[in-house]
PDB file of N, CA and C in Angstrom:
ATOM      1  N   MET A   1     135.957  28.060-176.788  1.00  0.00           N
ATOM      2  CA  MET A   1     136.464  27.728-175.467  1.00  0.00           C
ATOM      3  C   MET A   1     137.334  28.861-174.920  1.00  0.00           C
ATOM      4  N   ILE A   2     138.145  29.445-175.810  1.00  0.00           N
ATOM      5  CA  ILE A   2     139.050  30.497-175.331  1.00  0.00           C
ATOM      6  C   ILE A   2     138.269  31.726-174.889  1.00  0.00           C
ATOM      7  N   ARG A   3     137.161  32.035-175.562  1.00  0.00           N
ATOM      8  CA  ARG A   3     136.403  33.214-175.148  1.00  0.00           C
ATOM      9  C   ARG A   3     135.708  32.992-173.813  1.00  0.00           C
ATOM     10  N   LEU A   4     135.333  31.754-173.503  1.00  0.00           N
ATOM     11  CA  LEU A   4     134.766  31.476-172.187  1.00  0.00           C
ATOM     12  C   LEU A   4     135.796  31.703-171.091  1.00  0.00           C
ATOM     13  N   ILE A   5     137.029  31.295-171.349  1.00  0.00           N
ATOM     14  CA  ILE A   5     138.104  31.505-170.382  1.00  0.00           C
ATOM     15  C   ILE A   5     138.362  33.000-170.209  1.00  0.00           C
ATOM     16  N   LEU A   6     138.389  33.749-171.320  1.00  0.00           N
ATOM     17  CA  LEU A   6     138.606  35.191-171.240  1.00  0.00           C
ATOM     18  C   LEU A   6     137.481  35.884-170.475  1.00  0.00           C
ATOM     19  N   PHE A   7     136.231  35.490-170.748  1.00  0.00           N
ATOM     20  CA  PHE A   7     135.109  36.066-170.017  1.00  0.00           C
ATOM     21  C   PHE A   7     135.212  35.760-168.531  1.00  0.00           C
ATOM     22  N   PHE A   8     135.567  34.505-168.197  1.00  0.00           N
ATOM     23  CA  PHE A   8     135.658  34.105-166.789  1.00  0.00           C
ATOM     24  C   PHE A   8     136.730  34.904-166.064  1.00  0.00           C
ATOM     25  N   ILE A   9     137.923  34.987-166.668  1.00  0.00           N
ATOM     26  CA  ILE A   9     139.017  35.728-166.034  1.00  0.00           C
ATOM     27  C   ILE A   9     138.661  37.208-165.932  1.00  0.00           C
ATOM     28  N   GLY A  10     138.066  37.749-166.974  1.00  0.00           N
ATOM     29  CA  GLY A  10     137.705  39.167-166.967  1.00  0.00           C
ATOM     30  C   GLY A  10     136.665  39.504-165.920  1.00  0.00           C
ATOM     31  N   THR A  11     135.593  38.734-165.881  1.00  0.00           N
ATOM     32  CA  THR A  11     134.552  39.024-164.901  1.00  0.00           C
ATOM     33  C   THR A  11     135.029  38.745-163.484  1.00  0.00           C
ATOM     34  N   LEU A  12     135.881  37.754-163.312  1.00  0.00           N
ATOM     35  CA  LEU A  12     136.429  37.478-161.984  1.00  0.00           C
ATOM     36  C   LEU A  12     137.281  38.646-161.503  1.00  0.00           C
ATOM     37  N   GLY A  13     138.119  39.182-162.382  1.00  0.00           N
ATOM     38  CA  GLY A  13     138.952  40.325-162.007  1.00  0.00           C
ATOM     39  C   GLY A  13     138.134  41.560-161.697  1.00  0.00           C
ATOM     40  N   ILE A  14     137.121  41.823-162.516  1.00  0.00           N
ATOM     41  CA  ILE A  14     136.275  42.993-162.287  1.00  0.00           C
ATOM     42  C   ILE A  14     135.484  42.834-160.993  1.00  0.00           C
ATOM     43  N   THR A  15     134.938  41.639-160.775  1.00  0.00           N
ATOM     44  CA  THR A  15     134.173  41.390-159.553  1.00  0.00           C
ATOM     45  C   THR A  15     135.045  41.539-158.324  1.00  0.00           C
ATOM     46  N   PHE A  16     136.252  41.002-158.371  1.00  0.00           N
ATOM     47  CA  PHE A  16     137.160  41.108-157.230  1.00  0.00           C
ATOM     48  C   PHE A  16     137.503  42.565-156.939  1.00  0.00           C
ATOM     49  N   GLY A  17     137.781  43.324-157.980  1.00  0.00           N
ATOM     50  CA  GLY A  17     138.125  44.735-157.794  1.00  0.00           C
ATOM     51  C   GLY A  17     136.988  45.536-157.209  1.00  0.00           C
ATOM     52  N   THR A  18     135.763  45.295-157.692  1.00  0.00           N
ATOM     53  CA  THR A  18     134.629  46.057-157.177  1.00  0.00           C
ATOM     54  C   THR A  18     134.240  45.589-155.788  1.00  0.00           C
ATOM     55  N   PHE A  19     134.349  44.294-155.532  1.00  0.00           N
ATOM     56  CA  PHE A  19     133.944  43.747-154.237  1.00  0.00           C
ATOM     57  C   PHE A  19     134.849  44.248-153.120  1.00  0.00           C
ATOM     58  N   THR A  20     136.153  44.340-153.380  1.00  0.00           N
ATOM     59  CA  THR A  20     137.058  44.844-152.345  1.00  0.00           C
ATOM     60  C   THR A  20     136.758  46.307-152.050  1.00  0.00           C
ATOM     61  N   ASN A  21     136.408  47.087-153.068  1.00  0.00           N
ATOM     62  CA  ASN A  21     136.027  48.480-152.818  1.00  0.00           C
ATOM     63  C   ASN A  21     134.731  48.558-152.023  1.00  0.00           C
ATOM     64  N   PHE A  22     133.801  47.649-152.295  1.00  0.00           N
ATOM     65  CA  PHE A  22     132.532  47.629-151.566  1.00  0.00           C
ATOM     66  C   PHE A  22     132.766  47.302-150.092  1.00  0.00           C
ATOM     67  N   ILE A  23     133.646  46.343-149.822  1.00  0.00           N
ATOM     68  CA  ILE A  23     133.955  45.971-148.440  1.00  0.00           C
ATOM     69  C   ILE A  23     134.619  47.141-147.716  1.00  0.00           C
ATOM     70  N   ASN A  24     135.487  47.858-148.410  1.00  0.00           N
ATOM     71  CA  ASN A  24     136.182  48.986-147.790  1.00  0.00           C
ATOM     72  C   ASN A  24     135.283  50.211-147.640  1.00  0.00           C
ATOM     73  N   GLY A  25     134.053  50.133-148.089  1.00  0.00           N
ATOM     74  CA  GLY A  25     133.100  51.219-147.893  1.00  0.00           C
ATOM     75  C   GLY A  25     133.200  52.324-148.921  1.00  0.00           C
ATOM     76  N   TRP A  26     133.779  52.049-150.085  1.00  0.00           N
ATOM     77  CA  TRP A  26     133.917  53.049-151.137  1.00  0.00           C
ATOM     78  C   TRP A  26     134.510  54.339-150.576  1.00  0.00           C
ATOM     79  N   SER A  27     135.614  54.196-149.889  1.00  0.00           N
ATOM     80  CA  SER A  27     136.263  55.355-149.281  1.00  0.00           C
ATOM     81  C   SER A  27     136.683  56.353-150.355  1.00  0.00           C
ATOM     82  N   SER A  28     136.890  57.593-149.941  1.00  0.00           N
ATOM     83  CA  SER A  28     137.253  58.631-150.900  1.00  0.00           C
ATOM     84  C   SER A  28     138.682  58.449-151.411  1.00  0.00           C
ATOM     85  N   ASP A  29     139.487  57.654-150.697  1.00  0.00           N
ATOM     86  CA  ASP A  29     140.846  57.388-151.172  1.00  0.00           C
ATOM     87  C   ASP A  29     140.780  56.602-152.468  1.00  0.00           C
ATOM     88  N   SER A  30     141.768  56.810-153.313  1.00  0.00           N
ATOM     89  CA  SER A  30     141.794  56.059-154.565  1.00  0.00           C
ATOM     90  C   SER A  30     142.102  54.594-154.258  1.00  0.00           C
ATOM     91  N   PRO A  31     141.578  53.668-155.070  1.00  0.00           N
ATOM     92  CA  PRO A  31     141.847  52.245-154.837  1.00  0.00           C
ATOM     93  C   PRO A  31     143.343  51.954-154.897  1.00  0.00           C
ATOM     94  N   SER A  32     143.727  50.883-154.241  1.00  0.00           N
ATOM     95  CA  SER A  32     145.146  50.523-154.236  1.00  0.00           C
ATOM     96  C   SER A  32     145.599  50.179-155.648  1.00  0.00           C
ATOM     97  N   SER A  33     146.888  50.244-155.857  1.00  0.00           N
ATOM     98  CA  SER A  33     147.411  49.973-157.197  1.00  0.00           C
ATOM     99  C   SER A  33     147.145  48.530-157.601  1.00  0.00           C
ATOM    100  N   THR A  34     147.163  47.602-156.633  1.00  0.00           N
ATOM    101  CA  THR A  34     146.879  46.199-156.952  1.00  0.00           C
ATOM    102  C   THR A  34     145.456  46.050-157.457  1.00  0.00           C
ATOM    103  N   THR A  35     144.516  46.698-156.798  1.00  0.00           N
ATOM    104  CA  THR A  35     143.119  46.627-157.228  1.00  0.00           C
ATOM    105  C   THR A  35     142.950  47.233-158.614  1.00  0.00           C
ATOM    106  N   GLN A  36     143.621  48.340-158.867  1.00  0.00           N
ATOM    107  CA  GLN A  36     143.529  48.965-160.185  1.00  0.00           C
ATOM    108  C   GLN A  36     144.101  48.059-161.266  1.00  0.00           C
ATOM    109  N   ILE A  37     145.227  47.421-160.979  1.00  0.00           N
ATOM    110  CA  ILE A  37     145.844  46.520-161.960  1.00  0.00           C
ATOM    111  C   ILE A  37     144.926  45.345-162.245  1.00  0.00           C
ATOM    112  N   ILE A  38     144.369  44.737-161.194  1.00  0.00           N
ATOM    113  CA  ILE A  38     143.459  43.602-161.380  1.00  0.00           C
ATOM    114  C   ILE A  38     142.240  44.036-162.183  1.00  0.00           C
ATOM    115  N   PHE A  39     141.706  45.214-161.873  1.00  0.00           N
ATOM    116  CA  PHE A  39     140.528  45.708-162.579  1.00  0.00           C
ATOM    117  C   PHE A  39     140.816  45.916-164.064  1.00  0.00           C
ATOM    118  N   PHE A  40     141.933  46.565-164.384  1.00  0.00           N
ATOM    119  CA  PHE A  40     142.235  46.839-165.787  1.00  0.00           C
ATOM    120  C   PHE A  40     142.573  45.569-166.554  1.00  0.00           C
ATOM    121  N   ILE A  41     143.275  44.626-165.932  1.00  0.00           N
ATOM    122  CA  ILE A  41     143.543  43.348-166.597  1.00  0.00           C
ATOM    123  C   ILE A  41     142.234  42.620-166.850  1.00  0.00           C
ATOM    124  N   GLY A  42     141.339  42.659-165.862  1.00  0.00           N
ATOM    125  CA  GLY A  42     140.028  42.038-166.043  1.00  0.00           C
ATOM    126  C   GLY A  42     139.247  42.677-167.167  1.00  0.00           C
ATOM    127  N   MET A  43     139.302  43.999-167.258  1.00  0.00           N
ATOM    128  CA  MET A  43     138.606  44.692-168.337  1.00  0.00           C
ATOM    129  C   MET A  43     139.174  44.305-169.699  1.00  0.00           C
ATOM    130  N   ILE A  44     140.487  44.193-169.787  1.00  0.00           N
ATOM    131  CA  ILE A  44     141.109  43.813-171.054  1.00  0.00           C
ATOM    132  C   ILE A  44     140.663  42.419-171.470  1.00  0.00           C
ATOM    133  N   PHE A  45     140.685  41.463-170.522  1.00  0.00           N
ATOM    134  CA  PHE A  45     140.251  40.103-170.850  1.00  0.00           C
ATOM    135  C   PHE A  45     138.775  40.070-171.235  1.00  0.00           C
ATOM    136  N   ALA A  46     137.950  40.822-170.529  1.00  0.00           N
ATOM    137  CA  ALA A  46     136.525  40.845-170.852  1.00  0.00           C
ATOM    138  C   ALA A  46     136.285  41.447-172.238  1.00  0.00           C
ATOM    139  N   LEU A  47     137.013  42.505-172.573  1.00  0.00           N
ATOM    140  CA  LEU A  47     136.860  43.108-173.900  1.00  0.00           C
ATOM    141  C   LEU A  47     137.354  42.174-175.001  1.00  0.00           C
ATOM    142  N   LEU A  48     138.438  41.456-174.740  1.00  0.00           N
ATOM    143  CA  LEU A  48     138.911  40.481-175.728  1.00  0.00           C
ATOM    144  C   LEU A  48     137.870  39.386-175.944  1.00  0.00           C
ATOM    145  N   GLY A  49     137.296  38.900-174.853  1.00  0.00           N
ATOM    146  CA  GLY A  49     136.262  37.875-174.966  1.00  0.00           C
ATOM    147  C   GLY A  49     135.046  38.384-175.709  1.00  0.00           C
ATOM    148  N   ALA A  50     134.642  39.626-175.427  1.00  0.00           N
ATOM    149  CA  ALA A  50     133.498  40.206-176.127  1.00  0.00           C
ATOM    150  C   ALA A  50     133.811  40.379-177.610  1.00  0.00           C
ATOM    151  N   GLY A  51     135.043  40.749-177.925  1.00  0.00           N
ATOM    152  CA  GLY A  51     135.444  40.886-179.327  1.00  0.00           C
ATOM    153  C   GLY A  51     135.362  39.574-180.077  1.00  0.00           C
ATOM    154  N   TYR A  52     135.817  38.492-179.435  1.00  0.00           N
ATOM    155  CA  TYR A  52     135.706  37.174-180.058  1.00  0.00           C
ATOM    156  C   TYR A  52     134.246  36.817-180.299  1.00  0.00           C
ATOM    157  N   GLU A  53     133.397  37.090-179.310  1.00  0.00           N
ATOM    158  CA  GLU A  53     131.985  36.746-179.438  1.00  0.00           C
ATOM    159  C   GLU A  53     131.328  37.543-180.559  1.00  0.00           C
ATOM    160  N   ILE A  54     131.603  38.826-180.647  1.00  0.00           N
ATOM    161  CA  ILE A  54     131.024  39.669-181.701  1.00  0.00           C
ATOM    162  C   ILE A  54     131.501  39.211-183.074  1.00  0.00           C
ATOM    163  N   ARG A  55     132.783  38.866-183.180  1.00  0.00           N
ATOM    164  CA  ARG A  55     133.311  38.404-184.464  1.00  0.00           C
ATOM    165  C   ARG A  55     132.638  37.104-184.894  1.00  0.00           C
ATOM    166  N   LYS A  56     132.424  36.193-183.954  1.00  0.00           N
ATOM    167  CA  LYS A  56     131.756  34.930-184.295  1.00  0.00           C
ATOM    168  C   LYS A  56     130.324  35.183-184.756  1.00  0.00           C
ATOM    169  N   LEU A  57     129.621  36.110-184.082  1.00  0.00           N
ATOM    170  CA  LEU A  57     128.254  36.411-184.486  1.00  0.00           C
ATOM    171  C   LEU A  57     128.214  37.040-185.874  1.00  0.00           C
ATOM    172  N   GLN A  58     129.182  37.896-186.190  1.00  0.00           N
ATOM    173  CA  GLN A  58     129.232  38.505-187.517  1.00  0.00           C
ATOM    174  C   GLN A  58     129.518  37.459-188.580  1.00  0.00           C
ATOM    175  N   GLU A  59     130.398  36.504-188.274  1.00  0.00           N
ATOM    176  CA  GLU A  59     130.698  35.448-189.242  1.00  0.00           C
ATOM    177  C   GLU A  59     129.475  34.575-189.481  1.00  0.00           C
ATOM    178  N   LYS A  60     128.698  34.289-188.432  1.00  0.00           N
ATOM    179  CA  LYS A  60     127.479  33.500-188.603  1.00  0.00           C
ATOM    180  C   LYS A  60     126.476  34.248-189.471  1.00  0.00           C
ATOM    181  N   GLY A  61     126.378  35.578-189.280  1.00  0.00           N
ATOM    182  CA  GLY A  61     125.465  36.387-190.089  1.00  0.00           C
ATOM    183  C   GLY A  61     125.865  36.401-191.550  1.00  0.00           C
ATOM    184  N   LYS A  62     127.152  36.457-191.834  1.00  0.00           N
ATOM    185  CA  LYS A  62     127.626  36.452-193.222  1.00  0.00           C
ATOM    186  C   LYS A  62     127.372  35.099-193.873  1.00  0.00           C
ATOM    187  N   ASP A  63     127.521  34.014-193.090  1.00  0.00           N
ATOM    188  CA  ASP A  63     127.273  32.680-193.642  1.00  0.00           C
ATOM    189  C   ASP A  63     125.803  32.500-194.001  1.00  0.00           C
ATOM    190  N   LYS A  64     124.897  33.061-193.207  1.00  0.00           N
ATOM    191  CA  LYS A  64     123.469  32.924-193.489  1.00  0.00           C
ATOM    192  C   LYS A  64     123.071  33.719-194.725  1.00  0.00           C
ATOM    193  N   GLU A  65     123.716  34.869-194.961  1.00  0.00           N
ATOM    194  CA  GLU A  65     123.397  35.691-196.127  1.00  0.00           C
ATOM    195  C   GLU A  65     123.856  35.031-197.419  1.00  0.00           C
ATOM    196  N   SER A  66     124.941  34.282-197.367  1.00  0.00           N
ATOM    197  CA  SER A  66     125.495  33.671-198.584  1.00  0.00           C
ATOM    198  C   SER A  66     124.687  32.484-199.042  1.00  0.00           C
TER     199      SER A  66
END
């Protein structure tokens, strides 16, 4: 359950960050600091969720081998 929440928050943050840049026309100016913060927090949550998922898959593989 926790990894689903992490994936949701992560993908929501990444989507919001990219969507606002898309609306602004991908200007040559660097993204605002708020967008950067949301993007990086989203990436961290998404990576944590992916880590949980990979660990669960590895544990399932070890259980099948035993």
